[in-house]
Amino acid sequence: MMPREVEDWGPSPEQRYQQSEMAGILSEAIGELDPQFRTVFQLRDIEELSTEETAEALDLSVPAVKSRLLRARLKLREKLNSFFRQGEKL
């Protein structure tokens, strides 16, 4: 009987480190959002509530939820873009 090597399909230590760094960067960027934008972003994009459920939970109109979500996403994009552009220069 010959022993077989089983290949590990999990992430490598480097990949795990990159994932944890990315999670930290994203978490920090979300934490820097204004509370009104952060709450809507967390409910819609992280908790995956519908727009209507989010509006009901926060006692807002559906258009207000959509507006705040758009602003939150744009602010996150701006923060993350500037971070990654800075990383490219190094």
PDB file of N, CA and C in Angstrom:
ATOM      1  N   MET A   1       0.833  -1.177   0.000  1.00  0.00           N
ATOM      2  CA  MET A   1       0.000   0.000   0.000  1.00  0.00           C
ATOM      3  C   MET A   1       0.884   1.249   0.000  1.00  0.00           C
ATOM      4  N   MET A   2       0.651   2.148  -0.940  1.00  0.00           N
ATOM      5  CA  MET A   2       1.452   3.362  -1.069  1.00  0.00           C
ATOM      6  C   MET A   2       0.671   4.537  -0.462  1.00  0.00           C
ATOM      7  N   PRO A   3       1.326   5.302   0.387  1.00  0.00           N
ATOM      8  CA  PRO A   3       0.635   6.485   0.932  1.00  0.00           C
ATOM      9  C   PRO A   3       0.453   7.526  -0.167  1.00  0.00           C
ATOM     10  N   ARG A   4      -0.690   8.163  -0.142  1.00  0.00           N
ATOM     11  CA  ARG A   4      -0.985   9.205  -1.123  1.00  0.00           C
ATOM     12  C   ARG A   4      -0.918  10.569  -0.449  1.00  0.00           C
ATOM     13  N   GLU A   5      -0.358  11.483  -1.183  1.00  0.00           N
ATOM     14  CA  GLU A   5      -0.351  12.851  -0.673  1.00  0.00           C
ATOM     15  C   GLU A   5      -1.659  13.512  -1.069  1.00  0.00           C
ATOM     16  N   VAL A   6      -2.276  14.113  -0.092  1.00  0.00           N
ATOM     17  CA  VAL A   6      -3.521  14.827  -0.345  1.00  0.00           C
ATOM     18  C   VAL A   6      -3.191  16.319  -0.365  1.00  0.00           C
ATOM     19  N   GLU A   7      -3.520  16.934  -1.455  1.00  0.00           N
ATOM     20  CA  GLU A   7      -3.212  18.348  -1.613  1.00  0.00           C
ATOM     21  C   GLU A   7      -4.172  19.185  -0.786  1.00  0.00           C
ATOM     22  N   ASP A   8      -3.637  20.157  -0.071  1.00  0.00           N
ATOM     23  CA  ASP A   8      -4.447  21.064   0.730  1.00  0.00           C
ATOM     24  C   ASP A   8      -5.064  22.106  -0.199  1.00  0.00           C
ATOM     25  N   TRP A   9      -6.384  22.154  -0.251  1.00  0.00           N
ATOM     26  CA  TRP A   9      -7.070  23.094  -1.121  1.00  0.00           C
ATOM     27  C   TRP A   9      -7.383  24.395  -0.408  1.00  0.00           C
ATOM     28  N   GLY A  10      -7.051  24.470   0.856  1.00  0.00           N
ATOM     29  CA  GLY A  10      -7.302  25.677   1.631  1.00  0.00           C
ATOM     30  C   GLY A  10      -6.343  26.786   1.256  1.00  0.00           C
ATOM     31  N   PRO A  11      -6.600  27.964   1.775  1.00  0.00           N
ATOM     32  CA  PRO A  11      -5.722  29.085   1.463  1.00  0.00           C
ATOM     33  C   PRO A  11      -4.336  28.906   2.092  1.00  0.00           C
ATOM     34  N   SER A  12      -3.354  29.418   1.402  1.00  0.00           N
ATOM     35  CA  SER A  12      -1.981  29.356   1.905  1.00  0.00           C
ATOM     36  C   SER A  12      -1.840  30.363   3.048  1.00  0.00           C
ATOM     37  N   PRO A  13      -0.777  30.289   3.817  1.00  0.00           N
ATOM     38  CA  PRO A  13      -0.575  31.290   4.878  1.00  0.00           C
ATOM     39  C   PRO A  13      -0.551  32.723   4.332  1.00  0.00           C
ATOM     40  N   GLU A  14       0.026  32.921   3.164  1.00  0.00           N
ATOM     41  CA  GLU A  14       0.053  34.251   2.560  1.00  0.00           C
ATOM     42  C   GLU A  14      -1.355  34.726   2.214  1.00  0.00           C
ATOM     43  N   GLN A  15      -2.156  33.816   1.659  1.00  0.00           N
ATOM     44  CA  GLN A  15      -3.530  34.168   1.309  1.00  0.00           C
ATOM     45  C   GLN A  15      -4.361  34.480   2.551  1.00  0.00           C
ATOM     46  N   ARG A  16      -4.159  33.710   3.621  1.00  0.00           N
ATOM     47  CA  ARG A  16      -4.875  33.986   4.874  1.00  0.00           C
ATOM     48  C   ARG A  16      -4.473  35.345   5.432  1.00  0.00           C
ATOM     49  N   TYR A  17      -3.192  35.677   5.347  1.00  0.00           N
ATOM     50  CA  TYR A  17      -2.714  36.975   5.821  1.00  0.00           C
ATOM     51  C   TYR A  17      -3.338  38.106   4.990  1.00  0.00           C
ATOM     52  N   GLN A  18      -3.349  37.943   3.671  1.00  0.00           N
ATOM     53  CA  GLN A  18      -3.949  38.957   2.802  1.00  0.00           C
ATOM     54  C   GLN A  18      -5.427  39.139   3.114  1.00  0.00           C
ATOM     55  N   GLN A  19      -6.121  38.032   3.335  1.00  0.00           N
ATOM     56  CA  GLN A  19      -7.546  38.112   3.654  1.00  0.00           C
ATOM     57  C   GLN A  19      -7.780  38.837   4.974  1.00  0.00           C
ATOM     58  N   SER A  20      -6.956  38.559   5.978  1.00  0.00           N
ATOM     59  CA  SER A  20      -7.136  39.225   7.260  1.00  0.00           C
ATOM     60  C   SER A  20      -6.778  40.709   7.167  1.00  0.00           C
ATOM     61  N   GLU A  21      -5.756  41.050   6.394  1.00  0.00           N
ATOM     62  CA  GLU A  21      -5.405  42.452   6.184  1.00  0.00           C
ATOM     63  C   GLU A  21      -6.536  43.185   5.466  1.00  0.00           C
ATOM     64  N   MET A  22      -7.073  42.558   4.433  1.00  0.00           N
ATOM     65  CA  MET A  22      -8.168  43.165   3.677  1.00  0.00           C
ATOM     66  C   MET A  22      -9.387  43.362   4.565  1.00  0.00           C
ATOM     67  N   ALA A  23      -9.707  42.384   5.390  1.00  0.00           N
ATOM     68  CA  ALA A  23     -10.836  42.502   6.309  1.00  0.00           C
ATOM     69  C   ALA A  23     -10.622  43.656   7.278  1.00  0.00           C
ATOM     70  N   GLY A  24      -9.399  43.813   7.761  1.00  0.00           N
ATOM     71  CA  GLY A  24      -9.094  44.918   8.670  1.00  0.00           C
ATOM     72  C   GLY A  24      -9.237  46.270   8.003  1.00  0.00           C
ATOM     73  N   ILE A  25      -8.756  46.379   6.781  1.00  0.00           N
ATOM     74  CA  ILE A  25      -8.844  47.632   6.025  1.00  0.00           C
ATOM     75  C   ILE A  25     -10.301  47.985   5.774  1.00  0.00           C
ATOM     76  N   LEU A  26     -11.084  47.003   5.342  1.00  0.00           N
ATOM     77  CA  LEU A  26     -12.496  47.233   5.064  1.00  0.00           C
ATOM     78  C   LEU A  26     -13.255  47.594   6.332  1.00  0.00           C
ATOM     79  N   SER A  27     -12.971  46.899   7.410  1.00  0.00           N
ATOM     80  CA  SER A  27     -13.635  47.179   8.684  1.00  0.00           C
ATOM     81  C   SER A  27     -13.328  48.595   9.165  1.00  0.00           C
ATOM     82  N   GLU A  28     -12.083  49.009   9.019  1.00  0.00           N
ATOM     83  CA  GLU A  28     -11.696  50.362   9.419  1.00  0.00           C
ATOM     84  C   GLU A  28     -12.407  51.409   8.563  1.00  0.00           C
ATOM     85  N   ALA A  29     -12.479  51.174   7.261  1.00  0.00           N
ATOM     86  CA  ALA A  29     -13.143  52.117   6.363  1.00  0.00           C
ATOM     87  C   ALA A  29     -14.630  52.222   6.680  1.00  0.00           C
ATOM     88  N   ILE A  30     -15.268  51.100   6.971  1.00  0.00           N
ATOM     89  CA  ILE A  30     -16.688  51.113   7.336  1.00  0.00           C
ATOM     90  C   ILE A  30     -16.874  51.862   8.649  1.00  0.00           C
ATOM     91  N   GLY A  31     -15.972  51.647   9.592  1.00  0.00           N
ATOM     92  CA  GLY A  31     -16.054  52.321  10.881  1.00  0.00           C
ATOM     93  C   GLY A  31     -15.904  53.830  10.793  1.00  0.00           C
ATOM     94  N   GLU A  32     -15.254  54.320   9.754  1.00  0.00           N
ATOM     95  CA  GLU A  32     -15.057  55.755   9.577  1.00  0.00           C
ATOM     96  C   GLU A  32     -16.237  56.451   8.903  1.00  0.00           C
ATOM     97  N   LEU A  33     -17.209  55.676   8.417  1.00  0.00           N
ATOM     98  CA  LEU A  33     -18.388  56.282   7.801  1.00  0.00           C
ATOM     99  C   LEU A  33     -19.221  57.018   8.849  1.00  0.00           C
ATOM    100  N   ASP A  34     -19.948  58.038   8.403  1.00  0.00           N
ATOM    101  CA  ASP A  34     -20.906  58.694   9.286  1.00  0.00           C
ATOM    102  C   ASP A  34     -21.903  57.642   9.767  1.00  0.00           C
ATOM    103  N   PRO A  35     -22.357  57.739  11.013  1.00  0.00           N
ATOM    104  CA  PRO A  35     -23.266  56.719  11.555  1.00  0.00           C
ATOM    105  C   PRO A  35     -24.506  56.469  10.696  1.00  0.00           C
ATOM    106  N   GLN A  36     -25.087  57.520  10.115  1.00  0.00           N
ATOM    107  CA  GLN A  36     -26.293  57.326   9.309  1.00  0.00           C
ATOM    108  C   GLN A  36     -26.012  56.501   8.054  1.00  0.00           C
ATOM    109  N   PHE A  37     -24.828  56.661   7.479  1.00  0.00           N
ATOM    110  CA  PHE A  37     -24.460  55.886   6.296  1.00  0.00           C
ATOM    111  C   PHE A  37     -24.009  54.487   6.688  1.00  0.00           C
ATOM    112  N   ARG A  38     -23.241  54.387   7.770  1.00  0.00           N
ATOM    113  CA  ARG A  38     -22.730  53.097   8.229  1.00  0.00           C
ATOM    114  C   ARG A  38     -23.871  52.142   8.575  1.00  0.00           C
ATOM    115  N   THR A  39     -24.891  52.653   9.266  1.00  0.00           N
ATOM    116  CA  THR A  39     -26.015  51.802   9.674  1.00  0.00           C
ATOM    117  C   THR A  39     -26.740  51.241   8.458  1.00  0.00           C
ATOM    118  N   VAL A  40     -27.019  52.099   7.494  1.00  0.00           N
ATOM    119  CA  VAL A  40     -27.708  51.644   6.278  1.00  0.00           C
ATOM    120  C   VAL A  40     -26.836  50.644   5.521  1.00  0.00           C
ATOM    121  N   PHE A  41     -25.543  50.935   5.395  1.00  0.00           N
ATOM    122  CA  PHE A  41     -24.629  50.028   4.696  1.00  0.00           C
ATOM    123  C   PHE A  41     -24.601  48.662   5.373  1.00  0.00           C
ATOM    124  N   GLN A  42     -24.498  48.654   6.694  1.00  0.00           N
ATOM    125  CA  GLN A  42     -24.436  47.383   7.417  1.00  0.00           C
ATOM    126  C   GLN A  42     -25.717  46.575   7.249  1.00  0.00           C
ATOM    127  N   LEU A  43     -26.852  47.243   7.345  1.00  0.00           N
ATOM    128  CA  LEU A  43     -28.111  46.509   7.211  1.00  0.00           C
ATOM    129  C   LEU A  43     -28.313  45.978   5.798  1.00  0.00           C
ATOM    130  N   ARG A  44     -28.004  46.794   4.794  1.00  0.00           N
ATOM    131  CA  ARG A  44     -28.250  46.373   3.406  1.00  0.00           C
ATOM    132  C   ARG A  44     -27.180  45.424   2.867  1.00  0.00           C
ATOM    133  N   ASP A  45     -25.913  45.813   3.004  1.00  0.00           N
ATOM    134  CA  ASP A  45     -24.849  45.061   2.334  1.00  0.00           C
ATOM    135  C   ASP A  45     -24.208  43.978   3.193  1.00  0.00           C
ATOM    136  N   ILE A  46     -24.287  44.106   4.496  1.00  0.00           N
ATOM    137  CA  ILE A  46     -23.682  43.090   5.350  1.00  0.00           C
ATOM    138  C   ILE A  46     -24.752  42.128   5.877  1.00  0.00           C
ATOM    139  N   GLU A  47     -25.826  42.695   6.429  1.00  0.00           N
ATOM    140  CA  GLU A  47     -26.912  41.859   6.955  1.00  0.00           C
ATOM    141  C   GLU A  47     -27.865  41.391   5.857  1.00  0.00           C
ATOM    142  N   GLU A  48     -27.768  42.009   4.681  1.00  0.00           N
ATOM    143  CA  GLU A  48     -28.550  41.662   3.497  1.00  0.00           C
ATOM    144  C   GLU A  48     -30.050  41.826   3.680  1.00  0.00           C
ATOM    145  N   LEU A  49     -30.462  42.862   4.423  1.00  0.00           N
ATOM    146  CA  LEU A  49     -31.875  43.194   4.514  1.00  0.00           C
ATOM    147  C   LEU A  49     -32.292  43.858   3.211  1.00  0.00           C
ATOM    148  N   SER A  50     -33.557  43.768   2.886  1.00  0.00           N
ATOM    149  CA  SER A  50     -34.054  44.446   1.694  1.00  0.00           C
ATOM    150  C   SER A  50     -34.124  45.946   1.972  1.00  0.00           C
ATOM    151  N   THR A  51     -34.306  46.715   0.926  1.00  0.00           N
ATOM    152  CA  THR A  51     -34.428  48.164   1.090  1.00  0.00           C
ATOM    153  C   THR A  51     -35.641  48.489   1.953  1.00  0.00           C
ATOM    154  N   GLU A  52     -36.730  47.784   1.719  1.00  0.00           N
ATOM    155  CA  GLU A  52     -37.951  48.015   2.480  1.00  0.00           C
ATOM    156  C   GLU A  52     -37.765  47.647   3.953  1.00  0.00           C
ATOM    157  N   GLU A  53     -37.106  46.526   4.222  1.00  0.00           N
ATOM    158  CA  GLU A  53     -36.853  46.106   5.607  1.00  0.00           C
ATOM    159  C   GLU A  53     -35.943  47.112   6.320  1.00  0.00           C
ATOM    160  N   THR A  54     -34.955  47.607   5.605  1.00  0.00           N
ATOM    161  CA  THR A  54     -34.047  48.596   6.177  1.00  0.00           C
ATOM    162  C   THR A  54     -34.789  49.883   6.489  1.00  0.00           C
ATOM    163  N   ALA A  55     -35.624  50.313   5.553  1.00  0.00           N
ATOM    164  CA  ALA A  55     -36.409  51.535   5.764  1.00  0.00           C
ATOM    165  C   ALA A  55     -37.321  51.387   6.985  1.00  0.00           C
ATOM    166  N   GLU A  56     -37.940  50.241   7.111  1.00  0.00           N
ATOM    167  CA  GLU A  56     -38.831  50.004   8.242  1.00  0.00           C
ATOM    168  C   GLU A  56     -38.049  49.951   9.562  1.00  0.00           C
ATOM    169  N   ALA A  57     -36.911  49.291   9.557  1.00  0.00           N
ATOM    170  CA  ALA A  57     -36.112  49.158  10.777  1.00  0.00           C
ATOM    171  C   ALA A  57     -35.586  50.508  11.255  1.00  0.00           C
ATOM    172  N   LEU A  58     -35.277  51.395  10.318  1.00  0.00           N
ATOM    173  CA  LEU A  58     -34.701  52.695  10.680  1.00  0.00           C
ATOM    174  C   LEU A  58     -35.726  53.820  10.666  1.00  0.00           C
ATOM    175  N   ASP A  59     -36.969  53.487  10.365  1.00  0.00           N
ATOM    176  CA  ASP A  59     -38.043  54.478  10.276  1.00  0.00           C
ATOM    177  C   ASP A  59     -37.688  55.569   9.264  1.00  0.00           C
ATOM    178  N   LEU A  60     -37.247  55.111   8.081  1.00  0.00           N
ATOM    179  CA  LEU A  60     -36.898  56.002   6.980  1.00  0.00           C
ATOM    180  C   LEU A  60     -37.747  55.663   5.771  1.00  0.00           C
ATOM    181  N   SER A  61     -37.765  56.557   4.800  1.00  0.00           N
ATOM    182  CA  SER A  61     -38.414  56.249   3.524  1.00  0.00           C
ATOM    183  C   SER A  61     -37.469  55.398   2.684  1.00  0.00           C
ATOM    184  N   VAL A  62     -38.030  54.692   1.721  1.00  0.00           N
ATOM    185  CA  VAL A  62     -37.211  53.876   0.819  1.00  0.00           C
ATOM    186  C   VAL A  62     -36.222  54.750   0.044  1.00  0.00           C
ATOM    187  N   PRO A  63     -36.651  55.915  -0.502  1.00  0.00           N
ATOM    188  CA  PRO A  63     -35.666  56.769  -1.190  1.00  0.00           C
ATOM    189  C   PRO A  63     -34.532  57.232  -0.271  1.00  0.00           C
ATOM    190  N   ALA A  64     -34.824  57.483   1.012  1.00  0.00           N
ATOM    191  CA  ALA A  64     -33.772  57.899   1.941  1.00  0.00           C
ATOM    192  C   ALA A  64     -32.763  56.776   2.145  1.00  0.00           C
ATOM    193  N   VAL A  65     -33.241  55.539   2.230  1.00  0.00           N
ATOM    194  CA  VAL A  65     -32.343  54.392   2.384  1.00  0.00           C
ATOM    195  C   VAL A  65     -31.464  54.263   1.148  1.00  0.00           C
ATOM    196  N   LYS A  66     -32.063  54.376  -0.021  1.00  0.00           N
ATOM    197  CA  LYS A  66     -31.294  54.262  -1.263  1.00  0.00           C
ATOM    198  C   LYS A  66     -30.240  55.361  -1.370  1.00  0.00           C
ATOM    199  N   SER A  67     -30.609  56.570  -0.997  1.00  0.00           N
ATOM    200  CA  SER A  67     -29.675  57.691  -1.049  1.00  0.00           C
ATOM    201  C   SER A  67     -28.510  57.484  -0.083  1.00  0.00           C
ATOM    202  N   ARG A  68     -28.814  57.085   1.139  1.00  0.00           N
ATOM    203  CA  ARG A  68     -27.760  56.871   2.128  1.00  0.00           C
ATOM    204  C   ARG A  68     -26.852  55.708   1.744  1.00  0.00           C
ATOM    205  N   LEU A  69     -27.441  54.672   1.171  1.00  0.00           N
ATOM    206  CA  LEU A  69     -26.639  53.532   0.746  1.00  0.00           C
ATOM    207  C   LEU A  69     -25.689  53.932  -0.385  1.00  0.00           C
ATOM    208  N   LEU A  70     -26.187  54.687  -1.332  1.00  0.00           N
ATOM    209  CA  LEU A  70     -25.335  55.160  -2.427  1.00  0.00           C
ATOM    210  C   LEU A  70     -24.193  56.008  -1.894  1.00  0.00           C
ATOM    211  N   ARG A  71     -24.496  56.919  -0.992  1.00  0.00           N
ATOM    212  CA  ARG A  71     -23.456  57.772  -0.416  1.00  0.00           C
ATOM    213  C   ARG A  71     -22.433  56.958   0.368  1.00  0.00           C
ATOM    214  N   ALA A  72     -22.912  55.982   1.118  1.00  0.00           N
ATOM    215  CA  ALA A  72     -21.991  55.125   1.881  1.00  0.00           C
ATOM    216  C   ALA A  72     -21.058  54.371   0.937  1.00  0.00           C
ATOM    217  N   ARG A  73     -21.603  53.814  -0.128  1.00  0.00           N
ATOM    218  CA  ARG A  73     -20.780  53.069  -1.083  1.00  0.00           C
ATOM    219  C   ARG A  73     -19.768  53.971  -1.774  1.00  0.00           C
ATOM    220  N   LEU A  74     -20.193  55.189  -2.129  1.00  0.00           N
ATOM    221  CA  LEU A  74     -19.263  56.123  -2.772  1.00  0.00           C
ATOM    222  C   LEU A  74     -18.148  56.536  -1.828  1.00  0.00           C
ATOM    223  N   LYS A  75     -18.477  56.784  -0.570  1.00  0.00           N
ATOM    224  CA  LYS A  75     -17.452  57.151   0.406  1.00  0.00           C
ATOM    225  C   LYS A  75     -16.483  55.993   0.632  1.00  0.00           C
ATOM    226  N   LEU A  76     -17.004  54.771   0.707  1.00  0.00           N
ATOM    227  CA  LEU A  76     -16.123  53.607   0.862  1.00  0.00           C
ATOM    228  C   LEU A  76     -15.217  53.442  -0.349  1.00  0.00           C
ATOM    229  N   ARG A  77     -15.781  53.612  -1.519  1.00  0.00           N
ATOM    230  CA  ARG A  77     -14.982  53.489  -2.742  1.00  0.00           C
ATOM    231  C   ARG A  77     -13.852  54.512  -2.744  1.00  0.00           C
ATOM    232  N   GLU A  78     -14.190  55.738  -2.347  1.00  0.00           N
ATOM    233  CA  GLU A  78     -13.179  56.793  -2.306  1.00  0.00           C
ATOM    234  C   GLU A  78     -12.070  56.448  -1.310  1.00  0.00           C
ATOM    235  N   LYS A  79     -12.432  55.986  -0.126  1.00  0.00           N
ATOM    236  CA  LYS A  79     -11.432  55.637   0.889  1.00  0.00           C
ATOM    237  C   LYS A  79     -10.580  54.456   0.444  1.00  0.00           C
ATOM    238  N   LEU A  80     -11.219  53.437  -0.109  1.00  0.00           N
ATOM    239  CA  LEU A  80     -10.477  52.242  -0.514  1.00  0.00           C
ATOM    240  C   LEU A  80      -9.618  52.513  -1.740  1.00  0.00           C
ATOM    241  N   ASN A  81     -10.120  53.314  -2.680  1.00  0.00           N
ATOM    242  CA  ASN A  81      -9.314  53.659  -3.856  1.00  0.00           C
ATOM    243  C   ASN A  81      -8.062  54.414  -3.460  1.00  0.00           C
ATOM    244  N   SER A  82      -8.219  55.371  -2.566  1.00  0.00           N
ATOM    245  CA  SER A  82      -7.043  56.137  -2.152  1.00  0.00           C
ATOM    246  C   SER A  82      -6.055  55.235  -1.417  1.00  0.00           C
ATOM    247  N   PHE A  83      -6.552  54.283  -0.651  1.00  0.00           N
ATOM    248  CA  PHE A  83      -5.662  53.359   0.057  1.00  0.00           C
ATOM    249  C   PHE A  83      -4.879  52.498  -0.926  1.00  0.00           C
ATOM    250  N   PHE A  84      -5.565  51.933  -1.922  1.00  0.00           N
ATOM    251  CA  PHE A  84      -4.891  51.043  -2.851  1.00  0.00           C
ATOM    252  C   PHE A  84      -3.981  51.795  -3.812  1.00  0.00           C
ATOM    253  N   ARG A  85      -4.324  53.016  -4.155  1.00  0.00           N
ATOM    254  CA  ARG A  85      -3.434  53.828  -4.997  1.00  0.00           C
ATOM    255  C   ARG A  85      -2.158  54.140  -4.223  1.00  0.00           C
ATOM    256  N   GLN A  86      -2.300  54.423  -2.942  1.00  0.00           N
ATOM    257  CA  GLN A  86      -1.144  54.695  -2.099  1.00  0.00           C
ATOM    258  C   GLN A  86      -0.244  53.456  -2.025  1.00  0.00           C
ATOM    259  N   GLY A  87      -0.857  52.277  -1.949  1.00  0.00           N
ATOM    260  CA  GLY A  87      -0.111  51.030  -1.894  1.00  0.00           C
ATOM    261  C   GLY A  87       0.668  50.762  -3.160  1.00  0.00           C
ATOM    262  N   GLU A  88       0.149  51.199  -4.305  1.00  0.00           N
ATOM    263  CA  GLU A  88       0.835  50.988  -5.578  1.00  0.00           C
ATOM    264  C   GLU A  88       2.119  51.791  -5.658  1.00  0.00           C
ATOM    265  N   LYS A  89       2.154  52.952  -5.021  1.00  0.00           N
ATOM    266  CA  LYS A  89       3.333  53.822  -5.103  1.00  0.00           C
ATOM    267  C   LYS A  89       4.502  53.241  -4.339  1.00  0.00           C
ATOM    268  N   LEU A  90       4.229  52.379  -3.355  1.00  0.00           N
ATOM    269  CA  LEU A  90       5.313  51.854  -2.535  1.00  0.00           C
ATOM    270  C   LEU A  90       6.140  50.851  -3.239  1.00  0.00           C
TER     271      LEU A  90
END
